[in-house]
Protein backbone atom coordinates (compact mmCIF):
# COMPACT_ATOMS: atom_id res chain seq x y z
CA UNK A 1 0.00 0.00 0.00
CA UNK A 2 2.79 2.42 0.86
CA UNK A 3 4.52 1.68 -2.42
CA UNK A 4 1.30 2.47 -4.29
CA UNK A 5 0.96 5.84 -2.59
CA UNK A 6 4.62 6.62 -3.11
CA UNK A 7 4.78 5.69 -6.78
CA UNK A 8 1.33 6.63 -8.09
CA UNK A 9 -0.23 9.35 -5.96
CA UNK A 10 2.81 11.31 -4.83
CA UNK A 11 3.64 12.84 -8.24
CA UNK A 12 0.16 14.39 -8.40
CA UNK A 13 0.47 16.54 -5.27
CA UNK A 14 1.50 19.58 -7.32
CA UNK A 15 -1.66 19.21 -9.41
CA UNK A 16 -3.88 19.15 -6.31
CA UNK A 17 -2.10 22.07 -4.66
CA UNK A 18 -2.31 24.09 -7.89
CA UNK A 19 -6.02 23.38 -8.21
CA UNK A 20 -6.69 24.45 -4.63
CA UNK A 21 -4.62 27.62 -5.05
CA UNK A 22 -6.39 28.49 -8.31
CA UNK A 23 -9.78 27.95 -6.68
CA UNK A 24 -8.94 30.24 -3.77
CA UNK A 25 -7.62 32.96 -6.09
CA UNK A 26 -10.68 32.67 -8.33
CA UNK A 27 -12.99 32.97 -5.31
CA UNK A 28 -11.12 35.96 -3.90
CA UNK A 29 -11.05 37.95 -7.15
CA UNK A 30 -14.60 37.34 -8.34
CA UNK A 31 -16.39 40.66 -8.98
CA UNK A 32 -19.29 39.43 -6.85
CA UNK A 33 -17.07 39.48 -3.73
CA UNK A 34 -15.56 42.94 -4.31
CA UNK A 35 -17.92 44.71 -1.91
CA UNK A 36 -17.35 42.13 0.80
CA UNK A 37 -13.55 42.44 0.61
CA UNK A 38 -13.67 46.24 0.56
CA UNK A 39 -15.88 46.24 3.65
CA UNK A 40 -13.60 43.79 5.45
CA UNK A 41 -10.57 45.89 4.50
CA UNK A 42 -12.04 48.86 6.35
CA UNK A 43 -12.53 46.97 9.63
CA UNK A 44 -9.14 47.97 11.13
CA UNK A 45 -9.87 51.63 10.40
CA UNK A 46 -13.25 51.72 12.14
CA UNK A 47 -13.70 53.28 15.56
CA UNK A 48 -14.91 50.89 18.22
CA UNK A 49 -17.75 53.24 19.13
CA UNK A 50 -19.33 53.07 15.66
CA UNK A 51 -22.35 50.87 15.20
CA UNK A 52 -21.78 47.89 13.00
C-alpha atoms as a PDB file:
ATOM      1  CA  UNK A   1       0.000   0.000   0.000  1.00  0.00           C
ATOM      2  CA  UNK A   2       2.790   2.422   0.864  1.00  0.00           C
ATOM      3  CA  UNK A   3       4.519   1.684  -2.421  1.00  0.00           C
ATOM      4  CA  UNK A   4       1.295   2.473  -4.290  1.00  0.00           C
ATOM      5  CA  UNK A   5       0.963   5.840  -2.587  1.00  0.00           C
ATOM      6  CA  UNK A   6       4.615   6.621  -3.113  1.00  0.00           C
ATOM      7  CA  UNK A   7       4.780   5.686  -6.782  1.00  0.00           C
ATOM      8  CA  UNK A   8       1.325   6.628  -8.086  1.00  0.00           C
ATOM      9  CA  UNK A   9      -0.228   9.355  -5.965  1.00  0.00           C
ATOM     10  CA  UNK A  10       2.810  11.307  -4.827  1.00  0.00           C
ATOM     11  CA  UNK A  11       3.641  12.840  -8.240  1.00  0.00           C
ATOM     12  CA  UNK A  12       0.155  14.388  -8.405  1.00  0.00           C
ATOM     13  CA  UNK A  13       0.474  16.540  -5.272  1.00  0.00           C
ATOM     14  CA  UNK A  14       1.502  19.578  -7.320  1.00  0.00           C
ATOM     15  CA  UNK A  15      -1.657  19.214  -9.408  1.00  0.00           C
ATOM     16  CA  UNK A  16      -3.876  19.153  -6.313  1.00  0.00           C
ATOM     17  CA  UNK A  17      -2.101  22.072  -4.665  1.00  0.00           C
ATOM     18  CA  UNK A  18      -2.311  24.091  -7.889  1.00  0.00           C
ATOM     19  CA  UNK A  19      -6.020  23.382  -8.209  1.00  0.00           C
ATOM     20  CA  UNK A  20      -6.687  24.445  -4.631  1.00  0.00           C
ATOM     21  CA  UNK A  21      -4.621  27.623  -5.050  1.00  0.00           C
ATOM     22  CA  UNK A  22      -6.391  28.488  -8.314  1.00  0.00           C
ATOM     23  CA  UNK A  23      -9.776  27.948  -6.684  1.00  0.00           C
ATOM     24  CA  UNK A  24      -8.936  30.240  -3.773  1.00  0.00           C
ATOM     25  CA  UNK A  25      -7.623  32.961  -6.086  1.00  0.00           C
ATOM     26  CA  UNK A  26     -10.685  32.671  -8.330  1.00  0.00           C
ATOM     27  CA  UNK A  27     -12.991  32.975  -5.315  1.00  0.00           C
ATOM     28  CA  UNK A  28     -11.123  35.963  -3.901  1.00  0.00           C
ATOM     29  CA  UNK A  29     -11.046  37.948  -7.148  1.00  0.00           C
ATOM     30  CA  UNK A  30     -14.598  37.343  -8.343  1.00  0.00           C
ATOM     31  CA  UNK A  31     -16.388  40.659  -8.978  1.00  0.00           C
ATOM     32  CA  UNK A  32     -19.295  39.427  -6.845  1.00  0.00           C
ATOM     33  CA  UNK A  33     -17.074  39.482  -3.732  1.00  0.00           C
ATOM     34  CA  UNK A  34     -15.562  42.936  -4.309  1.00  0.00           C
ATOM     35  CA  UNK A  35     -17.925  44.710  -1.911  1.00  0.00           C
ATOM     36  CA  UNK A  36     -17.347  42.127   0.796  1.00  0.00           C
ATOM     37  CA  UNK A  37     -13.555  42.436   0.609  1.00  0.00           C
ATOM     38  CA  UNK A  38     -13.668  46.238   0.562  1.00  0.00           C
ATOM     39  CA  UNK A  39     -15.877  46.240   3.649  1.00  0.00           C
ATOM     40  CA  UNK A  40     -13.596  43.788   5.450  1.00  0.00           C
ATOM     41  CA  UNK A  41     -10.567  45.888   4.503  1.00  0.00           C
ATOM     42  CA  UNK A  42     -12.035  48.862   6.346  1.00  0.00           C
ATOM     43  CA  UNK A  43     -12.531  46.970   9.626  1.00  0.00           C
ATOM     44  CA  UNK A  44      -9.142  47.966  11.126  1.00  0.00           C
ATOM     45  CA  UNK A  45      -9.874  51.632  10.403  1.00  0.00           C
ATOM     46  CA  UNK A  46     -13.253  51.724  12.144  1.00  0.00           C
ATOM     47  CA  UNK A  47     -13.704  53.285  15.559  1.00  0.00           C
ATOM     48  CA  UNK A  48     -14.906  50.889  18.223  1.00  0.00           C
ATOM     49  CA  UNK A  49     -17.750  53.242  19.128  1.00  0.00           C
ATOM     50  CA  UNK A  50     -19.333  53.071  15.659  1.00  0.00           C
ATOM     51  CA  UNK A  51     -22.346  50.870  15.199  1.00  0.00           C
ATOM     52  CA  UNK A  52     -21.779  47.887  12.996  1.00  0.00           C
END
